[in-house]
Amino acid sequence: MIEQKMRQIDISKQKDLKEPSLFQTIICLLGVFLMISLGLFVLEIYIHAIIFICLLWVGVHAASLGYTFTDIHRMMKTGISSALPAIYIFVLIGMVIASFMQSGTIASLLYYGLDLLSPVVFLASGLILCSLMSIATGTSWGTVGTIGVVLISIAEVIGIPLVIVAGMIVSGATFGDKLSPMSDTTNLAAMSAGTNLYRHIHAMLYTTFPAYALTLIIYILVGLQYSDYALPAGEITAIQTVLKSTFQLNLWITLLPLLCLFGMSIKKYSPVISMSCSIVLAMMIAIFYQGRDTIDVFNALWLNNPGTTGMENIDALLGHGGIYSMAWTLLLSMMALALGGILHQAKFLSVALERIIARIKRIRTLMATTILSGLISNMGMGEAYLSIILNCQLFKDAYHKAQLDSAMLSRSVEEGATMTTALIPWTTAGAFYAATLGIPVLDYAPYAFLNVINPLVSIVMASLGIGLLQRNRVDA
């Protein structure tokens, strides 16, 4: 931390540096916006390559202000190094997911979760099941691609409108993706805002639980009209049969790694320690209880292999995890952090926001603006990861001046970026959900109640002064 501050001081002492004008700032940021938008949606270029070009573009603008290559390199290093603790967690997330797959933890949740389904509470039970799955795995995509597909198939047989079921699946999957300590977006938001992971999750509970309760009630009321429908017992039994033939499913044993992770998290142990302990415990269960080959279990920590149940969707789920699976997100995060480091330290972000922020006099306006900015960023860049990183960079100083805890920034950014990405057809998440579930985004979006309600609840609570965490109350 001291080294980073010294680097910033060294840069600021140079006499030939000048602050970017508003016109240059608009040109610089608009260029980044257009390159990402056109590159992703028109030219279909990989996002990592686009960010590289953006780095060159922003670097040229910084050089025009008098910054040397060494200065720009230091800005990039500062942006990345400030997030090193979260980068370690990214690596651990991959190993946690893989070890949970090997130990039968995820298989047990799916096996017993299917017993919760009944026609009258199908939507409510499905929401809970998707929520548990996404919390346990930390991935909304994996949840939608596995249990989501199963629920869509069951609903089609029952006769429940698929647009409602798809909205329910997306709501449950997003819930865990937002709150799970193993979620990449959860860790990314905490990292980018400069707050503790558990502090970030704690801040989100204030708004997410009320929104989730409202969502659950709505699905219960909607589901009452389908009480006379019948479940396809054969399909559910088939899934449970292949899971039982592949794993031993004693809940008292298979859920121990998950209980270990949550228990240590509640006790506020370091995420590195709690995740490491759960990984070791899951590996022991996989080897000694499930009878997995020791070498295969260790190799799965790097790259997990698909399951062997014979059911394509279930096998895909069981193949999630491993350090390698996090490479895409990790590399994108590091490149985006480097980009944010230049934009922030060369003062492009402060110049862009100073007039807007100067007009923001109330906390509720600041939080509402942050949430709206997340939505607009998703619409423009099509990727929640970039929206999270860049909006944290944009609004960090504003939250600091408002004496708000950094967790309030990470919470608002997640509610603007993570919660809305599934509601936009051309985002990576929206495109994936639509293709996987077979339901267009604009058709299921009105029924993804949690994704719609959560940002609104956050704005209302901010207006009422509820759930606001001040900087002087930050836990040690």
Foldseek 3Di string as FASTA:
>chain_A
DVVLVVLLVVQVPDPQFDADALVLLCVLVVVLLCLLQCCCPPVNHDNLVSLVVNLVSLVVVLVVRPDDPVSLVSLLVSLQVLLVVLLVLLLLLQLLLLLLLLLCLLVLLLLVLLVQADQLLNLLSLLVSLQVNCLSNLALLLSCLFVVQVSLVFCVQQVPDSLLSLLSSSLSSLNNNCQHLSHPLLSLLCSLLVHASLLLNVLLCQQQVVLVVVLSVVSSVVSNVSNPTGTPVVSSVLSSVLSVVQFPRDCVQSCVLVCQLVVVVVVVDHNVVSSVVSSVSSLCSSCPVGVDDNVLSVVVQAFFAFDDSPDVSNSVSSRGGHSPNSVSVSSSSSSLSSSLSSCQSSVSLVNNCVVVLVPDDAPLVLLLVLLQQQQVSCQSNLELSNQSNNSSSNCSVSCVVVQFASSSSSSSNCLNHSLCSCQHCRHPNVVSSCVSSVHHSPSNVVSNSSSVVSNVSVSVCSVVVHSTHGNVPDDD
